[in-house]
Amino acid sequence: MKKILLSIRIYIIFTVLLGLIYPLVVTVIAQVILPYQANGSIMRNGDKVIGSKLIGQNFSNPEYFHSRPSANNYDAVNSGGTNLGPSSKKLMDSTAEKIAKVRQENGLSSDTKIPSDMVLSSASGLDPHISLQSALLQVNRISKIRGIAVKDLKKMIDNNTDTDFVGIWGRPGVNVFKLNLAIDDFAKDLK
């Protein structure tokens, strides 16, 4: 009986310590030290929320860089992938359709290699980044539609590329939301 009571006390102590006190302390520290990041890196235009730098969004208009596909329509509450395996006919057919669409939208030949992140969703369905190759693949389309020089678009891509973590983990990725905002700002200056 003594051991059961000791186990219950330890359970209660660790529940309070790790279930209440620790999360509260981490939340307070995050709000004090990194409030912008702790609150989702929300971007605003005046008082209006226009998006987050951390959550991908759907950009289907041809005058914008397109995001990586999402299996959950970029819903942060319902993150997740398709769970379709590499031998799935549904995945193969869907990918073939997306490849054809990317080629058609960007005026690419049938032998142009399409980066996988242009046609396959990420595991979370919320990835805000595309690869540098995916961004460069879309430059000519946007240049023609927007009337922005290719060199200016490439400079905007460079300015909105997040590097890998400390030069070890991951690959550089282009934040599509920030890049499209930069294009809109640049286009305003052209007018």
N, C-alpha and C. Protein backbone atom coordinates (compact mmCIF):
# COMPACT_ATOMS: atom_id res chain seq x y z
N MET A 1 0.82 -1.20 0.00
CA MET A 1 0.00 0.00 0.00
C MET A 1 0.86 1.26 0.00
N LYS A 2 1.99 1.17 0.72
CA LYS A 2 2.90 2.31 0.80
C LYS A 2 3.43 2.68 -0.58
N LYS A 3 3.74 1.66 -1.38
CA LYS A 3 4.27 1.90 -2.72
C LYS A 3 3.20 2.51 -3.63
N ILE A 4 1.98 2.12 -3.48
CA ILE A 4 0.90 2.68 -4.29
C ILE A 4 0.72 4.16 -3.97
N LEU A 5 0.71 4.50 -2.68
CA LEU A 5 0.59 5.91 -2.28
C LEU A 5 1.79 6.73 -2.79
N LEU A 6 2.98 6.16 -2.70
CA LEU A 6 4.17 6.84 -3.21
C LEU A 6 4.06 7.05 -4.72
N SER A 7 3.57 6.05 -5.44
CA SER A 7 3.39 6.16 -6.89
C SER A 7 2.37 7.25 -7.23
N ILE A 8 1.29 7.32 -6.48
CA ILE A 8 0.27 8.35 -6.72
C ILE A 8 0.84 9.74 -6.46
N ARG A 9 1.60 9.91 -5.36
CA ARG A 9 2.22 11.21 -5.09
C ARG A 9 3.19 11.62 -6.19
N ILE A 10 3.99 10.68 -6.64
CA ILE A 10 4.95 10.97 -7.72
C ILE A 10 4.19 11.33 -9.00
N TYR A 11 3.12 10.61 -9.27
CA TYR A 11 2.30 10.92 -10.44
C TYR A 11 1.75 12.34 -10.36
N ILE A 12 1.21 12.71 -9.21
CA ILE A 12 0.64 14.06 -9.03
C ILE A 12 1.73 15.13 -9.16
N ILE A 13 2.88 14.90 -8.56
CA ILE A 13 3.99 15.86 -8.62
C ILE A 13 4.43 16.06 -10.07
N PHE A 14 4.65 14.97 -10.78
CA PHE A 14 5.11 15.10 -12.17
C PHE A 14 4.02 15.66 -13.09
N THR A 15 2.77 15.36 -12.81
CA THR A 15 1.68 15.94 -13.60
C THR A 15 1.66 17.45 -13.43
N VAL A 16 1.75 17.92 -12.20
CA VAL A 16 1.75 19.36 -11.95
C VAL A 16 3.02 20.00 -12.52
N LEU A 17 4.16 19.37 -12.27
CA LEU A 17 5.43 19.93 -12.71
C LEU A 17 5.55 19.96 -14.23
N LEU A 18 5.31 18.82 -14.87
CA LEU A 18 5.52 18.73 -16.32
C LEU A 18 4.28 19.04 -17.15
N GLY A 19 3.11 18.96 -16.53
CA GLY A 19 1.89 19.23 -17.27
C GLY A 19 1.38 20.65 -17.11
N LEU A 20 1.79 21.33 -16.06
CA LEU A 20 1.32 22.69 -15.82
C LEU A 20 2.47 23.70 -15.71
N ILE A 21 3.35 23.48 -14.76
CA ILE A 21 4.40 24.48 -14.48
C ILE A 21 5.37 24.62 -15.65
N TYR A 22 5.91 23.53 -16.16
CA TYR A 22 6.88 23.60 -17.26
C TYR A 22 6.30 24.27 -18.50
N PRO A 23 5.10 23.85 -19.00
CA PRO A 23 4.54 24.54 -20.18
C PRO A 23 4.29 26.03 -19.93
N LEU A 24 3.85 26.37 -18.71
CA LEU A 24 3.61 27.77 -18.38
C LEU A 24 4.91 28.58 -18.41
N VAL A 25 5.98 28.04 -17.84
CA VAL A 25 7.27 28.73 -17.83
C VAL A 25 7.80 28.91 -19.25
N VAL A 26 7.73 27.86 -20.07
CA VAL A 26 8.20 27.94 -21.45
C VAL A 26 7.38 28.97 -22.23
N THR A 27 6.07 28.99 -22.03
CA THR A 27 5.21 29.96 -22.71
C THR A 27 5.56 31.38 -22.32
N VAL A 28 5.75 31.63 -21.03
CA VAL A 28 6.11 32.98 -20.57
C VAL A 28 7.47 33.40 -21.13
N ILE A 29 8.44 32.52 -21.09
CA ILE A 29 9.77 32.84 -21.63
C ILE A 29 9.67 33.15 -23.13
N ALA A 30 8.92 32.33 -23.87
CA ALA A 30 8.77 32.56 -25.31
C ALA A 30 8.08 33.89 -25.58
N GLN A 31 7.05 34.22 -24.80
CA GLN A 31 6.34 35.48 -25.00
C GLN A 31 7.21 36.69 -24.69
N VAL A 32 8.13 36.54 -23.74
CA VAL A 32 9.01 37.65 -23.37
C VAL A 32 10.17 37.79 -24.36
N ILE A 33 10.81 36.68 -24.70
CA ILE A 33 12.02 36.72 -25.52
C ILE A 33 11.71 36.77 -27.02
N LEU A 34 10.76 35.96 -27.48
CA LEU A 34 10.44 35.85 -28.92
C LEU A 34 8.93 35.95 -29.16
N PRO A 35 8.30 37.07 -28.84
CA PRO A 35 6.83 37.13 -28.96
C PRO A 35 6.32 36.96 -30.39
N TYR A 36 7.02 37.50 -31.37
CA TYR A 36 6.57 37.39 -32.76
C TYR A 36 6.55 35.93 -33.20
N GLN A 37 7.63 35.20 -32.93
CA GLN A 37 7.70 33.79 -33.30
C GLN A 37 6.75 32.94 -32.46
N ALA A 38 6.63 33.24 -31.17
CA ALA A 38 5.77 32.46 -30.29
C ALA A 38 4.30 32.58 -30.67
N ASN A 39 3.95 33.64 -31.34
CA ASN A 39 2.56 33.85 -31.74
C ASN A 39 2.32 33.53 -33.21
N GLY A 40 3.20 32.73 -33.81
CA GLY A 40 2.98 32.21 -35.15
C GLY A 40 3.55 33.02 -36.29
N SER A 41 4.40 34.00 -36.02
CA SER A 41 4.99 34.83 -37.08
C SER A 41 3.91 35.38 -38.01
N ILE A 42 2.87 35.91 -37.41
CA ILE A 42 1.73 36.46 -38.15
C ILE A 42 2.14 37.77 -38.82
N MET A 43 1.81 37.90 -40.09
CA MET A 43 2.10 39.12 -40.82
C MET A 43 0.80 39.88 -41.04
N ARG A 44 0.88 41.19 -40.88
CA ARG A 44 -0.30 42.04 -40.98
C ARG A 44 -0.09 43.15 -41.99
N ASN A 45 -1.19 43.60 -42.54
CA ASN A 45 -1.21 44.81 -43.35
C ASN A 45 -2.14 45.75 -42.61
N GLY A 46 -1.56 46.63 -41.81
CA GLY A 46 -2.36 47.44 -40.89
C GLY A 46 -2.89 46.55 -39.80
N ASP A 47 -4.21 46.54 -39.63
CA ASP A 47 -4.85 45.68 -38.62
C ASP A 47 -5.28 44.34 -39.18
N LYS A 48 -5.15 44.17 -40.48
CA LYS A 48 -5.63 42.95 -41.14
C LYS A 48 -4.52 41.89 -41.19
N VAL A 49 -4.84 40.68 -40.72
CA VAL A 49 -3.91 39.56 -40.81
C VAL A 49 -3.89 39.08 -42.25
N ILE A 50 -2.69 39.00 -42.84
CA ILE A 50 -2.59 38.57 -44.24
C ILE A 50 -1.91 37.21 -44.38
N GLY A 51 -1.37 36.68 -43.30
CA GLY A 51 -0.76 35.36 -43.38
C GLY A 51 0.29 35.15 -42.31
N SER A 52 0.97 34.03 -42.42
CA SER A 52 2.04 33.67 -41.51
C SER A 52 3.26 33.24 -42.32
N LYS A 53 4.43 33.59 -41.83
CA LYS A 53 5.66 33.17 -42.50
C LYS A 53 5.91 31.68 -42.29
N LEU A 54 5.20 31.06 -41.36
CA LEU A 54 5.46 29.67 -41.00
C LEU A 54 4.49 28.66 -41.59
N ILE A 55 3.36 29.13 -42.12
CA ILE A 55 2.33 28.23 -42.64
C ILE A 55 2.16 28.51 -44.13
N GLY A 56 2.25 27.47 -44.94
CA GLY A 56 2.07 27.63 -46.38
C GLY A 56 0.67 28.09 -46.72
N GLN A 57 0.54 28.72 -47.86
CA GLN A 57 -0.76 29.19 -48.35
C GLN A 57 -0.90 28.84 -49.82
N ASN A 58 -2.13 28.79 -50.27
CA ASN A 58 -2.38 28.44 -51.66
C ASN A 58 -2.29 29.68 -52.54
N PHE A 59 -1.36 29.67 -53.46
CA PHE A 59 -1.24 30.72 -54.46
C PHE A 59 -1.44 30.05 -55.82
N SER A 60 -2.62 30.22 -56.40
CA SER A 60 -2.89 29.57 -57.69
C SER A 60 -2.93 30.57 -58.83
N ASN A 61 -2.98 31.87 -58.52
CA ASN A 61 -2.99 32.90 -59.54
C ASN A 61 -1.67 32.85 -60.31
N PRO A 62 -1.68 32.87 -61.64
CA PRO A 62 -0.44 32.73 -62.41
C PRO A 62 0.58 33.85 -62.20
N GLU A 63 0.16 34.97 -61.64
CA GLU A 63 1.10 36.08 -61.43
C GLU A 63 1.91 35.93 -60.13
N TYR A 64 1.66 34.85 -59.40
CA TYR A 64 2.38 34.58 -58.16
C TYR A 64 3.17 33.27 -58.25
N PHE A 65 4.21 33.19 -57.43
CA PHE A 65 4.90 31.91 -57.27
C PHE A 65 3.94 30.97 -56.57
N HIS A 66 3.89 29.72 -57.03
CA HIS A 66 2.99 28.74 -56.45
C HIS A 66 3.68 27.99 -55.32
N SER A 67 2.89 27.69 -54.31
CA SER A 67 3.38 26.96 -53.15
C SER A 67 3.45 25.47 -53.45
N ARG A 68 4.06 24.77 -52.53
CA ARG A 68 4.04 23.32 -52.59
C ARG A 68 2.61 22.85 -52.39
N PRO A 69 2.17 21.80 -53.10
CA PRO A 69 0.80 21.30 -52.90
C PRO A 69 0.56 20.89 -51.45
N SER A 70 -0.68 20.95 -51.03
CA SER A 70 -1.04 20.58 -49.67
C SER A 70 -2.15 19.53 -49.71
N ALA A 71 -2.00 18.49 -48.93
CA ALA A 71 -3.03 17.44 -48.87
C ALA A 71 -4.21 17.89 -48.02
N ASN A 72 -4.06 18.97 -47.25
CA ASN A 72 -5.12 19.41 -46.34
C ASN A 72 -5.54 20.85 -46.58
N ASN A 73 -5.25 21.37 -47.76
CA ASN A 73 -5.61 22.74 -48.13
C ASN A 73 -5.02 23.78 -47.15
N TYR A 74 -3.80 23.53 -46.68
CA TYR A 74 -3.05 24.45 -45.82
C TYR A 74 -3.78 24.76 -44.52
N ASP A 75 -4.53 23.81 -44.01
CA ASP A 75 -5.29 23.99 -42.78
C ASP A 75 -4.41 23.60 -41.59
N ALA A 76 -3.98 24.61 -40.81
CA ALA A 76 -3.07 24.37 -39.69
C ALA A 76 -3.71 23.52 -38.59
N VAL A 77 -5.02 23.52 -38.51
CA VAL A 77 -5.72 22.71 -37.51
C VAL A 77 -5.70 21.24 -37.90
N ASN A 78 -5.58 20.97 -39.18
CA ASN A 78 -5.70 19.61 -39.70
C ASN A 78 -4.46 19.22 -40.50
N SER A 79 -3.29 19.40 -39.92
CA SER A 79 -2.08 19.13 -40.69
C SER A 79 -1.91 17.64 -40.94
N GLY A 80 -1.29 17.32 -42.07
CA GLY A 80 -1.04 15.93 -42.41
C GLY A 80 -0.88 15.74 -43.90
N GLY A 81 -0.32 14.61 -44.26
CA GLY A 81 -0.10 14.28 -45.66
C GLY A 81 -1.22 13.42 -46.20
N THR A 82 -0.98 12.84 -47.37
CA THR A 82 -2.00 12.02 -48.01
C THR A 82 -2.02 10.60 -47.48
N ASN A 83 -0.91 10.16 -46.95
CA ASN A 83 -0.72 8.77 -46.50
C ASN A 83 -0.79 7.77 -47.64
N LEU A 84 -0.62 8.25 -48.87
CA LEU A 84 -0.59 7.35 -50.02
C LEU A 84 0.84 6.87 -50.23
N GLY A 85 1.00 5.57 -50.43
CA GLY A 85 2.33 4.99 -50.62
C GLY A 85 2.83 5.17 -52.05
N PRO A 86 4.12 4.92 -52.27
CA PRO A 86 4.71 5.12 -53.60
C PRO A 86 4.13 4.23 -54.68
N SER A 87 3.46 3.16 -54.31
CA SER A 87 2.86 2.27 -55.31
C SER A 87 1.38 2.57 -55.54
N SER A 88 0.87 3.61 -54.89
CA SER A 88 -0.55 3.95 -55.00
C SER A 88 -0.88 4.51 -56.38
N LYS A 89 -1.85 3.91 -57.05
CA LYS A 89 -2.28 4.40 -58.36
C LYS A 89 -2.83 5.82 -58.25
N LYS A 90 -3.56 6.08 -57.18
CA LYS A 90 -4.13 7.41 -56.97
C LYS A 90 -3.02 8.46 -56.87
N LEU A 91 -1.95 8.14 -56.15
CA LEU A 91 -0.81 9.06 -56.03
C LEU A 91 -0.12 9.24 -57.38
N MET A 92 0.07 8.16 -58.11
CA MET A 92 0.72 8.23 -59.43
C MET A 92 -0.09 9.10 -60.39
N ASP A 93 -1.41 8.88 -60.42
CA ASP A 93 -2.27 9.65 -61.33
C ASP A 93 -2.29 11.13 -60.94
N SER A 94 -2.41 11.39 -59.65
CA SER A 94 -2.44 12.77 -59.16
C SER A 94 -1.12 13.49 -59.48
N THR A 95 -0.02 12.81 -59.28
CA THR A 95 1.30 13.39 -59.56
C THR A 95 1.47 13.67 -61.05
N ALA A 96 1.03 12.75 -61.89
CA ALA A 96 1.12 12.95 -63.35
C ALA A 96 0.30 14.17 -63.77
N GLU A 97 -0.89 14.34 -63.19
CA GLU A 97 -1.72 15.51 -63.49
C GLU A 97 -1.02 16.80 -63.06
N LYS A 98 -0.43 16.77 -61.88
CA LYS A 98 0.25 17.97 -61.38
C LYS A 98 1.48 18.30 -62.23
N ILE A 99 2.21 17.29 -62.66
CA ILE A 99 3.38 17.52 -63.53
C ILE A 99 2.93 18.17 -64.84
N ALA A 100 1.87 17.63 -65.42
CA ALA A 100 1.35 18.21 -66.68
C ALA A 100 0.91 19.65 -66.47
N LYS A 101 0.27 19.93 -65.35
CA LYS A 101 -0.20 21.29 -65.06
C LYS A 101 0.98 22.25 -64.88
N VAL A 102 2.00 21.83 -64.16
CA VAL A 102 3.19 22.67 -63.96
C VAL A 102 3.86 22.96 -65.30
N ARG A 103 3.98 21.95 -66.13
CA ARG A 103 4.59 22.15 -67.46
C ARG A 103 3.76 23.11 -68.30
N GLN A 104 2.46 22.93 -68.28
CA GLN A 104 1.57 23.78 -69.09
C GLN A 104 1.61 25.22 -68.59
N GLU A 105 1.49 25.43 -67.27
CA GLU A 105 1.47 26.78 -66.70
C GLU A 105 2.76 27.55 -66.97
N ASN A 106 3.87 26.83 -66.97
CA ASN A 106 5.17 27.49 -67.08
C ASN A 106 5.79 27.38 -68.47
N GLY A 107 5.05 26.80 -69.43
CA GLY A 107 5.54 26.69 -70.80
C GLY A 107 6.79 25.84 -70.90
N LEU A 108 6.80 24.71 -70.20
CA LEU A 108 7.98 23.84 -70.17
C LEU A 108 7.82 22.68 -71.14
N SER A 109 8.93 22.22 -71.65
CA SER A 109 8.90 21.08 -72.57
C SER A 109 8.63 19.79 -71.79
N SER A 110 8.26 18.76 -72.51
CA SER A 110 7.91 17.48 -71.86
C SER A 110 9.11 16.77 -71.23
N ASP A 111 10.33 17.19 -71.58
CA ASP A 111 11.50 16.56 -70.98
C ASP A 111 12.11 17.38 -69.84
N THR A 112 11.47 18.50 -69.49
CA THR A 112 11.96 19.31 -68.37
C THR A 112 11.68 18.58 -67.06
N LYS A 113 12.72 18.45 -66.25
CA LYS A 113 12.54 17.80 -64.96
C LYS A 113 11.83 18.76 -64.00
N ILE A 114 10.85 18.24 -63.31
CA ILE A 114 10.05 19.02 -62.37
C ILE A 114 10.48 18.62 -60.96
N PRO A 115 10.88 19.59 -60.13
CA PRO A 115 11.25 19.26 -58.75
C PRO A 115 10.07 18.62 -58.01
N SER A 116 10.37 17.66 -57.17
CA SER A 116 9.31 16.92 -56.49
C SER A 116 8.43 17.81 -55.63
N ASP A 117 8.99 18.89 -55.07
CA ASP A 117 8.17 19.73 -54.20
C ASP A 117 7.14 20.57 -54.97
N MET A 118 7.19 20.54 -56.30
CA MET A 118 6.16 21.21 -57.09
C MET A 118 4.92 20.34 -57.28
N VAL A 119 5.06 19.04 -57.03
CA VAL A 119 3.95 18.13 -57.33
C VAL A 119 3.57 17.21 -56.16
N LEU A 120 4.38 17.16 -55.13
CA LEU A 120 4.10 16.30 -53.98
C LEU A 120 3.96 17.15 -52.72
N SER A 121 2.96 16.85 -51.91
CA SER A 121 2.77 17.61 -50.68
C SER A 121 3.76 17.17 -49.62
N SER A 122 3.99 18.05 -48.66
CA SER A 122 4.88 17.71 -47.55
C SER A 122 4.12 16.85 -46.54
N ALA A 123 4.81 16.33 -45.55
CA ALA A 123 4.18 15.47 -44.56
C ALA A 123 3.13 16.22 -43.75
N SER A 124 3.35 17.51 -43.51
CA SER A 124 2.38 18.28 -42.74
C SER A 124 1.32 18.94 -43.61
N GLY A 125 1.66 19.18 -44.89
CA GLY A 125 0.76 19.91 -45.77
C GLY A 125 0.79 21.40 -45.50
N LEU A 126 1.75 21.86 -44.69
CA LEU A 126 1.81 23.26 -44.28
C LEU A 126 3.12 23.94 -44.64
N ASP A 127 3.97 23.28 -45.36
CA ASP A 127 5.31 23.80 -45.65
C ASP A 127 5.24 25.14 -46.38
N PRO A 128 5.83 26.21 -45.81
CA PRO A 128 5.79 27.52 -46.47
C PRO A 128 6.87 27.70 -47.53
N HIS A 129 7.76 26.73 -47.66
CA HIS A 129 8.90 26.86 -48.56
C HIS A 129 8.79 25.97 -49.79
N ILE A 130 9.44 26.43 -50.84
CA ILE A 130 9.70 25.60 -52.01
C ILE A 130 11.20 25.62 -52.24
N SER A 131 11.69 24.67 -53.00
CA SER A 131 13.11 24.63 -53.29
C SER A 131 13.49 25.77 -54.22
N LEU A 132 14.76 26.09 -54.25
CA LEU A 132 15.27 27.12 -55.16
C LEU A 132 14.96 26.73 -56.61
N GLN A 133 15.09 25.44 -56.93
CA GLN A 133 14.79 24.97 -58.28
C GLN A 133 13.33 25.22 -58.65
N SER A 134 12.42 25.00 -57.72
CA SER A 134 11.00 25.23 -57.98
C SER A 134 10.71 26.71 -58.22
N ALA A 135 11.36 27.57 -57.46
CA ALA A 135 11.17 29.01 -57.64
C ALA A 135 11.71 29.45 -59.00
N LEU A 136 12.91 28.98 -59.34
CA LEU A 136 13.52 29.38 -60.62
C LEU A 136 12.71 28.87 -61.81
N LEU A 137 12.06 27.73 -61.65
CA LEU A 137 11.23 27.16 -62.71
C LEU A 137 10.05 28.07 -63.05
N GLN A 138 9.60 28.88 -62.09
CA GLN A 138 8.43 29.73 -62.27
C GLN A 138 8.77 31.17 -62.69
N VAL A 139 10.05 31.51 -62.72
CA VAL A 139 10.48 32.89 -62.97
C VAL A 139 10.00 33.42 -64.32
N ASN A 140 10.16 32.66 -65.38
CA ASN A 140 9.79 33.16 -66.71
C ASN A 140 8.30 33.46 -66.82
N ARG A 141 7.47 32.61 -66.23
CA ARG A 141 6.02 32.84 -66.25
C ARG A 141 5.67 34.16 -65.56
N ILE A 142 6.22 34.37 -64.40
CA ILE A 142 5.90 35.57 -63.63
C ILE A 142 6.48 36.81 -64.30
N SER A 143 7.65 36.68 -64.87
CA SER A 143 8.27 37.80 -65.58
C SER A 143 7.39 38.26 -66.74
N LYS A 144 6.86 37.32 -67.50
CA LYS A 144 5.99 37.66 -68.64
C LYS A 144 4.69 38.31 -68.17
N ILE A 145 4.07 37.73 -67.15
CA ILE A 145 2.77 38.22 -66.68
C ILE A 145 2.90 39.57 -65.97
N ARG A 146 3.90 39.71 -65.12
CA ARG A 146 4.05 40.91 -64.31
C ARG A 146 4.88 42.01 -64.98
N GLY A 147 5.65 41.62 -65.99
CA GLY A 147 6.53 42.60 -66.62
C GLY A 147 7.72 42.97 -65.75
N ILE A 148 8.13 42.05 -64.91
CA ILE A 148 9.29 42.25 -64.03
C ILE A 148 10.46 41.50 -64.64
N ALA A 149 11.60 42.16 -64.70
CA ALA A 149 12.79 41.54 -65.29
C ALA A 149 13.18 40.28 -64.52
N VAL A 150 13.67 39.29 -65.25
CA VAL A 150 14.10 38.03 -64.64
C VAL A 150 15.15 38.27 -63.57
N LYS A 151 16.09 39.15 -63.82
CA LYS A 151 17.16 39.42 -62.84
C LYS A 151 16.57 39.98 -61.53
N ASP A 152 15.52 40.80 -61.64
CA ASP A 152 14.88 41.35 -60.44
C ASP A 152 14.15 40.25 -59.67
N LEU A 153 13.48 39.35 -60.40
CA LEU A 153 12.81 38.23 -59.73
C LEU A 153 13.81 37.32 -59.04
N LYS A 154 14.94 37.06 -59.69
CA LYS A 154 15.97 36.21 -59.08
C LYS A 154 16.54 36.87 -57.82
N LYS A 155 16.67 38.17 -57.84
CA LYS A 155 17.16 38.88 -56.65
C LYS A 155 16.14 38.75 -55.51
N MET A 156 14.85 38.87 -55.85
CA MET A 156 13.80 38.70 -54.82
C MET A 156 13.82 37.28 -54.27
N ILE A 157 14.06 36.30 -55.14
CA ILE A 157 14.17 34.91 -54.67
C ILE A 157 15.32 34.78 -53.68
N ASP A 158 16.47 35.34 -54.02
CA ASP A 158 17.62 35.29 -53.11
C ASP A 158 17.31 35.94 -51.77
N ASN A 159 16.61 37.08 -51.81
CA ASN A 159 16.29 37.81 -50.58
C ASN A 159 15.28 37.08 -49.70
N ASN A 160 14.54 36.16 -50.27
CA ASN A 160 13.51 35.44 -49.51
C ASN A 160 13.81 33.96 -49.36
N THR A 161 15.10 33.63 -49.48
CA THR A 161 15.54 32.26 -49.29
C THR A 161 16.07 32.10 -47.87
N ASP A 162 15.50 31.16 -47.14
CA ASP A 162 15.97 30.84 -45.79
C ASP A 162 17.03 29.76 -45.91
N THR A 163 18.17 29.98 -45.28
CA THR A 163 19.27 29.02 -45.38
C THR A 163 19.01 27.82 -44.49
N ASP A 164 19.81 26.79 -44.68
CA ASP A 164 19.69 25.61 -43.84
C ASP A 164 20.13 25.96 -42.42
N PHE A 165 19.78 25.11 -41.48
CA PHE A 165 20.06 25.35 -40.08
C PHE A 165 21.54 25.09 -39.78
N VAL A 166 22.24 26.11 -39.39
CA VAL A 166 23.67 26.13 -39.06
C VAL A 166 24.55 25.39 -40.07
N GLY A 167 24.15 25.38 -41.30
CA GLY A 167 24.98 24.78 -42.34
C GLY A 167 25.04 23.26 -42.28
N ILE A 168 24.18 22.65 -41.50
CA ILE A 168 24.24 21.19 -41.34
C ILE A 168 22.94 20.53 -41.76
N TRP A 169 21.80 21.00 -41.21
CA TRP A 169 20.52 20.33 -41.41
C TRP A 169 19.67 21.06 -42.45
N GLY A 170 19.02 20.26 -43.26
CA GLY A 170 18.08 20.81 -44.21
C GLY A 170 18.73 21.42 -45.43
N ARG A 171 17.90 22.02 -46.25
CA ARG A 171 18.36 22.70 -47.46
C ARG A 171 17.75 24.08 -47.48
N PRO A 172 18.38 24.98 -48.21
CA PRO A 172 17.77 26.31 -48.32
C PRO A 172 16.39 26.19 -48.96
N GLY A 173 15.47 27.03 -48.51
CA GLY A 173 14.12 27.03 -49.06
C GLY A 173 13.63 28.45 -49.27
N VAL A 174 12.83 28.64 -50.29
CA VAL A 174 12.30 29.96 -50.62
C VAL A 174 10.92 30.08 -49.97
N ASN A 175 10.75 31.09 -49.12
CA ASN A 175 9.47 31.31 -48.46
C ASN A 175 8.53 31.96 -49.47
N VAL A 176 7.54 31.22 -49.92
CA VAL A 176 6.65 31.65 -51.00
C VAL A 176 5.82 32.87 -50.59
N PHE A 177 5.33 32.89 -49.38
CA PHE A 177 4.50 34.01 -48.91
C PHE A 177 5.30 35.31 -48.92
N LYS A 178 6.50 35.28 -48.34
CA LYS A 178 7.33 36.48 -48.30
C LYS A 178 7.74 36.90 -49.72
N LEU A 179 8.02 35.94 -50.58
CA LEU A 179 8.41 36.24 -51.95
C LEU A 179 7.26 36.91 -52.71
N ASN A 180 6.05 36.39 -52.56
CA ASN A 180 4.91 36.99 -53.25
C ASN A 180 4.59 38.39 -52.71
N LEU A 181 4.81 38.61 -51.43
CA LEU A 181 4.65 39.97 -50.89
C LEU A 181 5.69 40.91 -51.50
N ALA A 182 6.91 40.43 -51.65
CA ALA A 182 7.97 41.24 -52.25
C ALA A 182 7.64 41.58 -53.69
N ILE A 183 7.05 40.63 -54.42
CA ILE A 183 6.65 40.89 -55.81
C ILE A 183 5.57 41.96 -55.86
N ASP A 184 4.59 41.86 -54.96
CA ASP A 184 3.54 42.88 -54.92
C ASP A 184 4.12 44.26 -54.61
N ASP A 185 5.03 44.32 -53.64
CA ASP A 185 5.67 45.61 -53.31
C ASP A 185 6.45 46.15 -54.50
N PHE A 186 7.18 45.29 -55.18
CA PHE A 186 7.95 45.70 -56.34
C PHE A 186 7.04 46.20 -57.46
N ALA A 187 5.92 45.50 -57.66
CA ALA A 187 4.96 45.89 -58.71
C ALA A 187 4.34 47.24 -58.41
N LYS A 188 4.09 47.54 -57.12
CA LYS A 188 3.55 48.84 -56.73
C LYS A 188 4.51 49.96 -57.12
N ASP A 189 5.81 49.70 -56.93
CA ASP A 189 6.83 50.70 -57.25
C ASP A 189 6.94 50.93 -58.76
N LEU A 190 6.56 49.93 -59.57
CA LEU A 190 6.61 50.07 -61.03
C LEU A 190 5.53 50.99 -61.55
N LYS A 191 4.42 51.08 -60.78
CA LYS A 191 3.27 51.87 -61.25
C LYS A 191 3.47 53.34 -61.01
